[in-house]
């Protein structure tokens, strides 16, 4: 479930560019990027600020802080992004069917 809000968007900062950067962020416990895992729920862009609302595979994930920090650091590498926030939520709960076809394939859950 991904929702994008592009109001007040800086033309240099695109949802596609954000997704490209987020695909470089992996869950250290699962060798799949957070986009293909289906962890990204919302992307907001307002001028030079990007906000990400996401979840983790489990509420007890010990790597949550690491993943959120990695997301923020990677967002700040995008030209034009000067501020970034990452919010982790638990509703809706992550389910394996939220993964992309590519993510399922990498885990051997799809042909």
PDB file of N, CA and C in Angstrom:
ATOM      1  N   UNK A   1       0.856  -1.175   0.000  1.00  0.00           N
ATOM      2  CA  UNK A   1       0.000   0.000   0.000  1.00  0.00           C
ATOM      3  C   UNK A   1       0.896   1.231   0.000  1.00  0.00           C
ATOM      4  N   UNK A   2       1.047   1.837  -1.150  1.00  0.00           N
ATOM      5  CA  UNK A   2       1.894   3.015  -1.255  1.00  0.00           C
ATOM      6  C   UNK A   2       1.057   4.188  -1.725  1.00  0.00           C
ATOM      7  N   UNK A   3       1.141   5.281  -0.978  1.00  0.00           N
ATOM      8  CA  UNK A   3       0.410   6.501  -1.314  1.00  0.00           C
ATOM      9  C   UNK A   3       1.446   7.594  -1.481  1.00  0.00           C
ATOM     10  N   UNK A   4       1.349   8.335  -2.556  1.00  0.00           N
ATOM     11  CA  UNK A   4       2.272   9.439  -2.757  1.00  0.00           C
ATOM     12  C   UNK A   4       1.525  10.757  -2.719  1.00  0.00           C
ATOM     13  N   UNK A   5       2.107  11.712  -2.057  1.00  0.00           N
ATOM     14  CA  UNK A   5       1.543  13.053  -1.995  1.00  0.00           C
ATOM     15  C   UNK A   5       2.604  13.988  -2.549  1.00  0.00           C
ATOM     16  N   UNK A   6       2.327  14.596  -3.700  1.00  0.00           N
ATOM     17  CA  UNK A   6       3.342  15.434  -4.329  1.00  0.00           C
ATOM     18  C   UNK A   6       2.978  16.916  -4.314  1.00  0.00           C
ATOM     19  N   UNK A   7       2.141  17.331  -3.389  1.00  0.00           N
ATOM     20  CA  UNK A   7       1.814  18.748  -3.327  1.00  0.00           C
ATOM     21  C   UNK A   7       3.060  19.548  -2.951  1.00  0.00           C
ATOM     22  N   UNK A   8       3.152  20.729  -3.485  1.00  0.00           N
ATOM     23  CA  UNK A   8       4.285  21.610  -3.221  1.00  0.00           C
ATOM     24  C   UNK A   8       5.605  20.921  -3.534  1.00  0.00           C
ATOM     25  N   UNK A   9       5.669  20.187  -4.627  1.00  0.00           N
ATOM     26  CA  UNK A   9       6.852  19.400  -4.946  1.00  0.00           C
ATOM     27  C   UNK A   9       7.949  20.217  -5.601  1.00  0.00           C
ATOM     28  N   UNK A  10       9.159  19.980  -5.191  1.00  0.00           N
ATOM     29  CA  UNK A  10      10.350  20.481  -5.847  1.00  0.00           C
ATOM     30  C   UNK A  10      10.537  19.607  -7.088  1.00  0.00           C
ATOM     31  N   UNK A  11      10.620  20.176  -8.285  1.00  0.00           N
ATOM     32  CA  UNK A  11      10.705  19.365  -9.500  1.00  0.00           C
ATOM     33  C   UNK A  11      11.940  18.462  -9.559  1.00  0.00           C
ATOM     34  N   UNK A  12      12.978  18.758  -8.781  1.00  0.00           N
ATOM     35  CA  UNK A  12      14.173  17.911  -8.755  1.00  0.00           C
ATOM     36  C   UNK A  12      13.947  16.633  -7.956  1.00  0.00           C
ATOM     37  N   UNK A  13      12.958  16.627  -7.071  1.00  0.00           N
ATOM     38  CA  UNK A  13      12.716  15.491  -6.179  1.00  0.00           C
ATOM     39  C   UNK A  13      11.472  14.762  -6.670  1.00  0.00           C
ATOM     40  N   UNK A  14      11.672  13.569  -7.188  1.00  0.00           N
ATOM     41  CA  UNK A  14      10.553  12.808  -7.731  1.00  0.00           C
ATOM     42  C   UNK A  14      10.331  11.527  -6.922  1.00  0.00           C
ATOM     43  N   UNK A  15       9.116  11.023  -6.995  1.00  0.00           N
ATOM     44  CA  UNK A  15       8.792   9.767  -6.326  1.00  0.00           C
ATOM     45  C   UNK A  15       9.666   8.645  -6.892  1.00  0.00           C
ATOM     46  N   UNK A  16       9.893   8.659  -8.196  1.00  0.00           N
ATOM     47  CA  UNK A  16      10.727   7.635  -8.817  1.00  0.00           C
ATOM     48  C   UNK A  16      12.143   7.660  -8.258  1.00  0.00           C
ATOM     49  N   UNK A  17      12.705   8.854  -8.098  1.00  0.00           N
ATOM     50  CA  UNK A  17      14.061   8.981  -7.553  1.00  0.00           C
ATOM     51  C   UNK A  17      14.095   8.495  -6.101  1.00  0.00           C
ATOM     52  N   UNK A  18      13.045   8.805  -5.353  1.00  0.00           N
ATOM     53  CA  UNK A  18      12.970   8.346  -3.966  1.00  0.00           C
ATOM     54  C   UNK A  18      12.923   6.824  -3.915  1.00  0.00           C
ATOM     55  N   UNK A  19      12.088   6.214  -4.758  1.00  0.00           N
ATOM     56  CA  UNK A  19      12.027   4.751  -4.795  1.00  0.00           C
ATOM     57  C   UNK A  19      13.374   4.145  -5.175  1.00  0.00           C
ATOM     58  N   UNK A  20      14.082   4.758  -6.118  1.00  0.00           N
ATOM     59  CA  UNK A  20      15.398   4.257  -6.501  1.00  0.00           C
ATOM     60  C   UNK A  20      16.340   4.239  -5.297  1.00  0.00           C
ATOM     61  N   UNK A  21      16.306   5.299  -4.506  1.00  0.00           N
ATOM     62  CA  UNK A  21      17.161   5.383  -3.320  1.00  0.00           C
ATOM     63  C   UNK A  21      16.706   4.369  -2.261  1.00  0.00           C
ATOM     64  N   UNK A  22      15.398   4.237  -2.067  1.00  0.00           N
ATOM     65  CA  UNK A  22      14.892   3.306  -1.055  1.00  0.00           C
ATOM     66  C   UNK A  22      15.196   1.854  -1.413  1.00  0.00           C
ATOM     67  N   UNK A  23      15.337   1.574  -2.698  1.00  0.00           N
ATOM     68  CA  UNK A  23      15.708   0.208  -3.110  1.00  0.00           C
ATOM     69  C   UNK A  23      17.148  -0.128  -2.711  1.00  0.00           C
ATOM     70  N   UNK A  24      17.905   0.861  -2.271  1.00  0.00           N
ATOM     71  CA  UNK A  24      19.264   0.638  -1.777  1.00  0.00           C
ATOM     72  C   UNK A  24      19.282   0.334  -0.287  1.00  0.00           C
ATOM     73  N   UNK A  25      18.119   0.411   0.366  1.00  0.00           N
ATOM     74  CA  UNK A  25      17.999   0.146   1.802  1.00  0.00           C
ATOM     75  C   UNK A  25      17.474  -1.276   1.987  1.00  0.00           C
ATOM     76  N   UNK A  26      18.287  -2.122   2.587  1.00  0.00           N
ATOM     77  CA  UNK A  26      17.890  -3.502   2.817  1.00  0.00           C
ATOM     78  C   UNK A  26      17.556  -3.741   4.279  1.00  0.00           C
ATOM     79  N   UNK A  27      16.651  -4.667   4.505  1.00  0.00           N
ATOM     80  CA  UNK A  27      16.439  -5.180   5.847  1.00  0.00           C
ATOM     81  C   UNK A  27      17.635  -6.098   6.108  1.00  0.00           C
ATOM     82  N   UNK A  28      18.457  -5.813   7.121  1.00  0.00           N
ATOM     83  CA  UNK A  28      19.665  -6.619   7.338  1.00  0.00           C
ATOM     84  C   UNK A  28      19.372  -8.095   7.641  1.00  0.00           C
ATOM     85  N   UNK A  29      18.177  -8.382   8.122  1.00  0.00           N
ATOM     86  CA  UNK A  29      17.843  -9.763   8.467  1.00  0.00           C
ATOM     87  C   UNK A  29      17.241 -10.524   7.286  1.00  0.00           C
ATOM     88  N   UNK A  30      16.777  -9.799   6.266  1.00  0.00           N
ATOM     89  CA  UNK A  30      16.202 -10.399   5.067  1.00  0.00           C
ATOM     90  C   UNK A  30      16.904  -9.740   3.891  1.00  0.00           C
ATOM     91  N   UNK A  31      17.497 -10.499   2.999  1.00  0.00           N
ATOM     92  CA  UNK A  31      18.295  -9.883   1.928  1.00  0.00           C
ATOM     93  C   UNK A  31      17.448  -9.284   0.805  1.00  0.00           C
ATOM     94  N   UNK A  32      16.482  -8.458   1.189  1.00  0.00           N
ATOM     95  CA  UNK A  32      15.576  -7.825   0.226  1.00  0.00           C
ATOM     96  C   UNK A  32      15.463  -6.346   0.596  1.00  0.00           C
ATOM     97  N   UNK A  33      15.358  -5.495  -0.416  1.00  0.00           N
ATOM     98  CA  UNK A  33      15.223  -4.068  -0.107  1.00  0.00           C
ATOM     99  C   UNK A  33      13.822  -3.770   0.440  1.00  0.00           C
ATOM    100  N   UNK A  34      13.710  -2.638   1.119  1.00  0.00           N
ATOM    101  CA  UNK A  34      12.464  -2.306   1.820  1.00  0.00           C
ATOM    102  C   UNK A  34      11.301  -1.999   0.881  1.00  0.00           C
ATOM    103  N   UNK A  35      11.594  -1.610  -0.360  1.00  0.00           N
ATOM    104  CA  UNK A  35      10.528  -1.383  -1.335  1.00  0.00           C
ATOM    105  C   UNK A  35       9.925  -2.723  -1.742  1.00  0.00           C
ATOM    106  N   UNK A  36      10.777  -3.675  -2.120  1.00  0.00           N
ATOM    107  CA  UNK A  36      10.284  -4.984  -2.541  1.00  0.00           C
ATOM    108  C   UNK A  36       9.653  -5.761  -1.388  1.00  0.00           C
ATOM    109  N   UNK A  37      10.050  -5.452  -0.163  1.00  0.00           N
ATOM    110  CA  UNK A  37       9.394  -6.073   0.994  1.00  0.00           C
ATOM    111  C   UNK A  37       7.998  -5.501   1.232  1.00  0.00           C
ATOM    112  N   UNK A  38       7.703  -4.357   0.629  1.00  0.00           N
ATOM    113  CA  UNK A  38       6.391  -3.736   0.816  1.00  0.00           C
ATOM    114  C   UNK A  38       6.287  -2.948   2.106  1.00  0.00           C
ATOM    115  N   UNK A  39       7.405  -2.440   2.579  1.00  0.00           N
ATOM    116  CA  UNK A  39       7.420  -1.719   3.860  1.00  0.00           C
ATOM    117  C   UNK A  39       7.074  -0.237   3.738  1.00  0.00           C
ATOM    118  N   UNK A  40       7.093   0.311   2.532  1.00  0.00           N
ATOM    119  CA  UNK A  40       6.833   1.738   2.349  1.00  0.00           C
ATOM    120  C   UNK A  40       5.334   1.957   2.171  1.00  0.00           C
ATOM    121  N   UNK A  41       4.751   2.736   3.063  1.00  0.00           N
ATOM    122  CA  UNK A  41       3.313   3.019   3.011  1.00  0.00           C
ATOM    123  C   UNK A  41       3.012   4.376   2.386  1.00  0.00           C
ATOM    124  N   UNK A  42       3.867   5.362   2.637  1.00  0.00           N
ATOM    125  CA  UNK A  42       3.567   6.706   2.131  1.00  0.00           C
ATOM    126  C   UNK A  42       4.848   7.485   1.907  1.00  0.00           C
ATOM    127  N   UNK A  43       4.827   8.285   0.840  1.00  0.00           N
ATOM    128  CA  UNK A  43       5.907   9.219   0.542  1.00  0.00           C
ATOM    129  C   UNK A  43       5.284  10.593   0.422  1.00  0.00           C
ATOM    130  N   UNK A  44       5.818  11.541   1.160  1.00  0.00           N
ATOM    131  CA  UNK A  44       5.367  12.932   1.056  1.00  0.00           C
ATOM    132  C   UNK A  44       6.555  13.785   0.645  1.00  0.00           C
ATOM    133  N   UNK A  45       6.298  14.682  -0.290  1.00  0.00           N
ATOM    134  CA  UNK A  45       7.326  15.608  -0.754  1.00  0.00           C
ATOM    135  C   UNK A  45       6.774  17.020  -0.614  1.00  0.00           C
ATOM    136  N   UNK A  46       7.500  17.847   0.123  1.00  0.00           N
ATOM    137  CA  UNK A  46       7.139  19.265   0.240  1.00  0.00           C
ATOM    138  C   UNK A  46       8.415  20.077   0.104  1.00  0.00           C
ATOM    139  N   UNK A  47       8.562  20.648  -1.075  1.00  0.00           N
ATOM    140  CA  UNK A  47       9.750  21.434  -1.417  1.00  0.00           C
ATOM    141  C   UNK A  47      11.018  20.608  -1.216  1.00  0.00           C
ATOM    142  N   UNK A  48      11.853  20.929  -0.197  1.00  0.00           N
ATOM    143  CA  UNK A  48      13.105  20.195   0.006  1.00  0.00           C
ATOM    144  C   UNK A  48      13.009  19.162   1.127  1.00  0.00           C
ATOM    145  N   UNK A  49      11.783  18.848   1.546  1.00  0.00           N
ATOM    146  CA  UNK A  49      11.533  17.872   2.618  1.00  0.00           C
ATOM    147  C   UNK A  49      10.866  16.622   2.063  1.00  0.00           C
ATOM    148  N   UNK A  50      11.317  15.465   2.531  1.00  0.00           N
ATOM    149  CA  UNK A  50      10.697  14.194   2.168  1.00  0.00           C
ATOM    150  C   UNK A  50      10.327  13.475   3.460  1.00  0.00           C
ATOM    151  N   UNK A  51       9.092  13.015   3.515  1.00  0.00           N
ATOM    152  CA  UNK A  51       8.632  12.234   4.651  1.00  0.00           C
ATOM    153  C   UNK A  51       8.244  10.838   4.199  1.00  0.00           C
ATOM    154  N   UNK A  52       8.703   9.856   4.923  1.00  0.00           N
ATOM    155  CA  UNK A  52       8.400   8.458   4.623  1.00  0.00           C
ATOM    156  C   UNK A  52       7.627   7.879   5.799  1.00  0.00           C
ATOM    157  N   UNK A  53       6.509   7.238   5.488  1.00  0.00           N
ATOM    158  CA  UNK A  53       5.781   6.459   6.482  1.00  0.00           C
ATOM    159  C   UNK A  53       5.952   5.010   6.063  1.00  0.00           C
ATOM    160  N   UNK A  54       6.434   4.212   6.989  1.00  0.00           N
ATOM    161  CA  UNK A  54       6.747   2.831   6.663  1.00  0.00           C
ATOM    162  C   UNK A  54       6.477   1.929   7.859  1.00  0.00           C
ATOM    163  N   UNK A  55       6.646   0.661   7.645  1.00  0.00           N
ATOM    164  CA  UNK A  55       6.521  -0.312   8.718  1.00  0.00           C
ATOM    165  C   UNK A  55       7.727  -1.226   8.680  1.00  0.00           C
ATOM    166  N   UNK A  56       7.740  -2.195   9.567  1.00  0.00           N
ATOM    167  CA  UNK A  56       8.763  -3.231   9.584  1.00  0.00           C
ATOM    168  C   UNK A  56       8.057  -4.577   9.518  1.00  0.00           C
ATOM    169  N   UNK A  57       8.806  -5.623   9.270  1.00  0.00           N
ATOM    170  CA  UNK A  57       8.167  -6.927   9.137  1.00  0.00           C
ATOM    171  C   UNK A  57       7.567  -7.417  10.451  1.00  0.00           C
ATOM    172  N   UNK A  58       8.154  -7.005  11.579  1.00  0.00           N
ATOM    173  CA  UNK A  58       7.600  -7.358  12.887  1.00  0.00           C
ATOM    174  C   UNK A  58       7.797  -6.195  13.849  1.00  0.00           C
ATOM    175  N   UNK A  59       6.850  -5.990  14.783  1.00  0.00           N
ATOM    176  CA  UNK A  59       7.007  -4.906  15.758  1.00  0.00           C
ATOM    177  C   UNK A  59       8.253  -5.049  16.622  1.00  0.00           C
ATOM    178  N   UNK A  60       8.718  -6.257  16.846  1.00  0.00           N
ATOM    179  CA  UNK A  60       9.895  -6.463  17.684  1.00  0.00           C
ATOM    180  C   UNK A  60      11.204  -6.440  16.933  1.00  0.00           C
ATOM    181  N   UNK A  61      11.186  -5.973  15.696  1.00  0.00           N
ATOM    182  CA  UNK A  61      12.394  -5.953  14.859  1.00  0.00           C
ATOM    183  C   UNK A  61      13.486  -5.121  15.539  1.00  0.00           C
ATOM    184  N   UNK A  62      14.572  -5.780  15.875  1.00  0.00           N
ATOM    185  CA  UNK A  62      15.677  -5.108  16.561  1.00  0.00           C
ATOM    186  C   UNK A  62      16.422  -4.139  15.644  1.00  0.00           C
ATOM    187  N   UNK A  63      16.210  -4.249  14.345  1.00  0.00           N
ATOM    188  CA  UNK A  63      16.925  -3.418  13.389  1.00  0.00           C
ATOM    189  C   UNK A  63      16.125  -2.179  12.968  1.00  0.00           C
ATOM    190  N   UNK A  64      14.999  -1.921  13.608  1.00  0.00           N
ATOM    191  CA  UNK A  64      14.140  -0.800  13.229  1.00  0.00           C
ATOM    192  C   UNK A  64      14.846   0.539  13.210  1.00  0.00           C
ATOM    193  N   UNK A  65      15.591   0.846  14.243  1.00  0.00           N
ATOM    194  CA  UNK A  65      16.319   2.111  14.295  1.00  0.00           C
ATOM    195  C   UNK A  65      17.369   2.213  13.211  1.00  0.00           C
ATOM    196  N   UNK A  66      18.050   1.111  12.961  1.00  0.00           N
ATOM    197  CA  UNK A  66      19.061   1.073  11.911  1.00  0.00           C
ATOM    198  C   UNK A  66      18.429   1.330  10.542  1.00  0.00           C
ATOM    199  N   UNK A  67      17.319   0.643  10.271  1.00  0.00           N
ATOM    200  CA  UNK A  67      16.651   0.789   8.973  1.00  0.00           C
ATOM    201  C   UNK A  67      16.145   2.214   8.787  1.00  0.00           C
ATOM    202  N   UNK A  68      15.490   2.781   9.801  1.00  0.00           N
ATOM    203  CA  UNK A  68      14.973   4.154   9.710  1.00  0.00           C
ATOM    204  C   UNK A  68      16.105   5.146   9.475  1.00  0.00           C
ATOM    205  N   UNK A  69      17.216   4.973  10.154  1.00  0.00           N
ATOM    206  CA  UNK A  69      18.365   5.864   9.975  1.00  0.00           C
ATOM    207  C   UNK A  69      18.957   5.714   8.573  1.00  0.00           C
ATOM    208  N   UNK A  70      19.032   4.475   8.082  1.00  0.00           N
ATOM    209  CA  UNK A  70      19.540   4.230   6.732  1.00  0.00           C
ATOM    210  C   UNK A  70      18.652   4.917   5.695  1.00  0.00           C
ATOM    211  N   UNK A  71      17.341   4.817   5.874  1.00  0.00           N
ATOM    212  CA  UNK A  71      16.396   5.474   4.957  1.00  0.00           C
ATOM    213  C   UNK A  71      16.637   6.983   4.958  1.00  0.00           C
ATOM    214  N   UNK A  72      16.721   7.569   6.136  1.00  0.00           N
ATOM    215  CA  UNK A  72      16.911   9.019   6.234  1.00  0.00           C
ATOM    216  C   UNK A  72      18.232   9.448   5.583  1.00  0.00           C
ATOM    217  N   UNK A  73      19.305   8.735   5.881  1.00  0.00           N
ATOM    218  CA  UNK A  73      20.603   9.081   5.297  1.00  0.00           C
ATOM    219  C   UNK A  73      20.582   8.986   3.774  1.00  0.00           C
ATOM    220  N   UNK A  74      19.942   7.959   3.250  1.00  0.00           N
ATOM    221  CA  UNK A  74      19.880   7.786   1.793  1.00  0.00           C
ATOM    222  C   UNK A  74      19.013   8.873   1.150  1.00  0.00           C
ATOM    223  N   UNK A  75      17.916   9.246   1.797  1.00  0.00           N
ATOM    224  CA  UNK A  75      17.068  10.322   1.258  1.00  0.00           C
ATOM    225  C   UNK A  75      17.846  11.625   1.161  1.00  0.00           C
ATOM    226  N   UNK A  76      18.696  11.886   2.143  1.00  0.00           N
ATOM    227  CA  UNK A  76      19.465  13.137   2.159  1.00  0.00           C
ATOM    228  C   UNK A  76      20.543  13.181   1.083  1.00  0.00           C
ATOM    229  N   UNK A  77      20.797  12.063   0.395  1.00  0.00           N
ATOM    230  CA  UNK A  77      21.751  12.067  -0.724  1.00  0.00           C
ATOM    231  C   UNK A  77      21.104  12.521  -2.023  1.00  0.00           C
ATOM    232  N   UNK A  78      19.780  12.617  -2.053  1.00  0.00           N
ATOM    233  CA  UNK A  78      19.073  13.047  -3.266  1.00  0.00           C
ATOM    234  C   UNK A  78      19.280  14.548  -3.437  1.00  0.00           C
ATOM    235  N   UNK A  79      19.752  14.980  -4.607  1.00  0.00           N
ATOM    236  CA  UNK A  79      19.928  16.414  -4.831  1.00  0.00           C
ATOM    237  C   UNK A  79      18.625  17.172  -4.569  1.00  0.00           C
ATOM    238  N   UNK A  80      18.731  18.239  -3.780  1.00  0.00           N
ATOM    239  CA  UNK A  80      17.566  19.057  -3.470  1.00  0.00           C
ATOM    240  C   UNK A  80      16.884  18.699  -2.157  1.00  0.00           C
ATOM    241  N   UNK A  81      17.146  17.505  -1.622  1.00  0.00           N
ATOM    242  CA  UNK A  81      16.544  17.114  -0.339  1.00  0.00           C
ATOM    243  C   UNK A  81      17.435  17.632   0.788  1.00  0.00           C
ATOM    244  N   UNK A  82      16.858  18.473   1.637  1.00  0.00           N
ATOM    245  CA  UNK A  82      17.617  19.034   2.761  1.00  0.00           C
ATOM    246  C   UNK A  82      17.090  18.552   4.103  1.00  0.00           C
ATOM    247  N   UNK A  83      15.884  18.014   4.107  1.00  0.00           N
ATOM    248  CA  UNK A  83      15.309  17.463   5.329  1.00  0.00           C
ATOM    249  C   UNK A  83      14.568  16.188   4.987  1.00  0.00           C
ATOM    250  N   UNK A  84      14.624  15.223   5.907  1.00  0.00           N
ATOM    251  CA  UNK A  84      13.912  13.961   5.700  1.00  0.00           C
ATOM    252  C   UNK A  84      13.476  13.416   7.048  1.00  0.00           C
ATOM    253  N   UNK A  85      12.294  12.863   7.072  1.00  0.00           N
ATOM    254  CA  UNK A  85      11.765  12.234   8.286  1.00  0.00           C
ATOM    255  C   UNK A  85      11.248  10.853   7.940  1.00  0.00           C
ATOM    256  N   UNK A  86      11.418   9.936   8.878  1.00  0.00           N
ATOM    257  CA  UNK A  86      10.939   8.567   8.713  1.00  0.00           C
ATOM    258  C   UNK A  86      10.061   8.243   9.915  1.00  0.00           C
ATOM    259  N   UNK A  87       8.839   7.852   9.621  1.00  0.00           N
ATOM    260  CA  UNK A  87       7.895   7.471  10.670  1.00  0.00           C
ATOM    261  C   UNK A  87       7.566   5.992  10.494  1.00  0.00           C
ATOM    262  N   UNK A  88       7.758   5.220  11.560  1.00  0.00           N
ATOM    263  CA  UNK A  88       7.429   3.795  11.526  1.00  0.00           C
ATOM    264  C   UNK A  88       6.079   3.606  12.215  1.00  0.00           C
ATOM    265  N   UNK A  89       5.164   2.942  11.508  1.00  0.00           N
ATOM    266  CA  UNK A  89       3.827   2.681  12.044  1.00  0.00           C
ATOM    267  C   UNK A  89       3.557   1.176  12.015  1.00  0.00           C
ATOM    268  N   UNK A  90       2.547   0.760  12.744  1.00  0.00           N
ATOM    269  CA  UNK A  90       2.217  -0.674  12.834  1.00  0.00           C
ATOM    270  C   UNK A  90       0.827  -0.997  12.313  1.00  0.00           C
ATOM    271  N   UNK A  91       0.114  -0.014  11.831  1.00  0.00           N
ATOM    272  CA  UNK A  91      -1.225  -0.243  11.293  1.00  0.00           C
ATOM    273  C   UNK A  91      -1.305   0.429   9.935  1.00  0.00           C
ATOM    274  N   UNK A  92      -1.449  -0.321   8.864  1.00  0.00           N
ATOM    275  CA  UNK A  92      -1.764  -1.749   8.856  1.00  0.00           C
ATOM    276  C   UNK A  92      -0.525  -2.597   9.120  1.00  0.00           C
ATOM    277  N   UNK A  93      -0.760  -3.751   9.681  1.00  0.00           N
ATOM    278  CA  UNK A  93       0.283  -4.712   9.976  1.00  0.00           C
ATOM    279  C   UNK A  93       0.863  -5.243   8.665  1.00  0.00           C
ATOM    280  N   UNK A  94       2.188  -5.389   8.609  1.00  0.00           N
ATOM    281  CA  UNK A  94       2.829  -5.938   7.424  1.00  0.00           C
ATOM    282  C   UNK A  94       2.470  -7.399   7.257  1.00  0.00           C
ATOM    283  N   UNK A  95       2.201  -7.781   6.034  1.00  0.00           N
ATOM    284  CA  UNK A  95       1.904  -9.165   5.674  1.00  0.00           C
ATOM    285  C   UNK A  95       2.764  -9.526   4.461  1.00  0.00           C
ATOM    286  N   UNK A  96       3.185 -10.776   4.333  1.00  0.00           N
ATOM    287  CA  UNK A  96       4.028 -11.165   3.192  1.00  0.00           C
ATOM    288  C   UNK A  96       3.427 -10.840   1.830  1.00  0.00           C
ATOM    289  N   UNK A  97       2.104 -10.832   1.713  1.00  0.00           N
ATOM    290  CA  UNK A  97       1.498 -10.520   0.412  1.00  0.00           C
ATOM    291  C   UNK A  97       1.717  -9.059   0.003  1.00  0.00           C
ATOM    292  N   UNK A  98       2.242  -8.229   0.889  1.00  0.00           N
ATOM    293  CA  UNK A  98       2.535  -6.833   0.557  1.00  0.00           C
ATOM    294  C   UNK A  98       3.827  -6.712  -0.263  1.00  0.00           C
ATOM    295  N   UNK A  99       4.594  -7.785  -0.338  1.00  0.00           N
ATOM    296  CA  UNK A  99       5.842  -7.769  -1.096  1.00  0.00           C
ATOM    297  C   UNK A  99       5.552  -7.658  -2.585  1.00  0.00           C
ATOM    298  N   UNK A 100       6.482  -7.061  -3.303  1.00  0.00           N
ATOM    299  CA  UNK A 100       6.362  -6.997  -4.759  1.00  0.00           C
ATOM    300  C   UNK A 100       6.633  -8.385  -5.336  1.00  0.00           C
ATOM    301  N   UNK A 101       6.309  -8.559  -6.602  1.00  0.00           N
ATOM    302  CA  UNK A 101       6.591  -9.819  -7.278  1.00  0.00           C
ATOM    303  C   UNK A 101       8.088 -10.116  -7.238  1.00  0.00           C
ATOM    304  N   UNK A 102       8.903  -9.071  -7.399  1.00  0.00           N
ATOM    305  CA  UNK A 102      10.361  -9.242  -7.358  1.00  0.00           C
ATOM    306  C   UNK A 102      10.823  -9.715  -5.978  1.00  0.00           C
ATOM    307  N   UNK A 103      10.253  -9.139  -4.920  1.00  0.00           N
ATOM    308  CA  UNK A 103      10.600  -9.546  -3.560  1.00  0.00           C
ATOM    309  C   UNK A 103      10.219 -10.988  -3.295  1.00  0.00           C
ATOM    310  N   UNK A 104       9.036 -11.376  -3.722  1.00  0.00           N
ATOM    311  CA  UNK A 104       8.596 -12.766  -3.543  1.00  0.00           C
ATOM    312  C   UNK A 104       9.502 -13.725  -4.310  1.00  0.00           C
ATOM    313  N   UNK A 105       9.908 -13.305  -5.499  1.00  0.00           N
ATOM    314  CA  UNK A 105      10.797 -14.140  -6.315  1.00  0.00           C
ATOM    315  C   UNK A 105      12.140 -14.339  -5.623  1.00  0.00           C
ATOM    316  N   UNK A 106      12.681 -13.243  -5.064  1.00  0.00           N
ATOM    317  CA  UNK A 106      13.983 -13.324  -4.376  1.00  0.00           C
ATOM    318  C   UNK A 106      13.933 -14.252  -3.175  1.00  0.00           C
ATOM    319  N   UNK A 107      12.784 -14.341  -2.529  1.00  0.00           N
ATOM    320  CA  UNK A 107      12.639 -15.220  -1.373  1.00  0.00           C
ATOM    321  C   UNK A 107      12.164 -16.613  -1.749  1.00  0.00           C
ATOM    322  N   UNK A 108      11.983 -16.841  -3.039  1.00  0.00           N
ATOM    323  CA  UNK A 108      11.543 -18.153  -3.488  1.00  0.00           C
ATOM    324  C   UNK A 108      10.064 -18.409  -3.252  1.00  0.00           C
ATOM    325  N   UNK A 109       9.280 -17.338  -3.082  1.00  0.00           N
ATOM    326  CA  UNK A 109       7.841 -17.481  -2.853  1.00  0.00           C
ATOM    327  C   UNK A 109       7.025 -17.381  -4.139  1.00  0.00           C
ATOM    328  N   UNK A 110       7.692 -17.086  -5.240  1.00  0.00           N
ATOM    329  CA  UNK A 110       7.006 -16.970  -6.543  1.00  0.00           C
ATOM    330  C   UNK A 110       7.981 -17.450  -7.617  1.00  0.00           C
ATOM    331  N   UNK A 111       7.438 -17.949  -8.718  1.00  0.00           N
ATOM    332  CA  UNK A 111       8.314 -18.431  -9.820  1.00  0.00           C
ATOM    333  C   UNK A 111       9.039 -17.300 -10.515  1.00  0.00           C
TER     334      UNK A 111
END
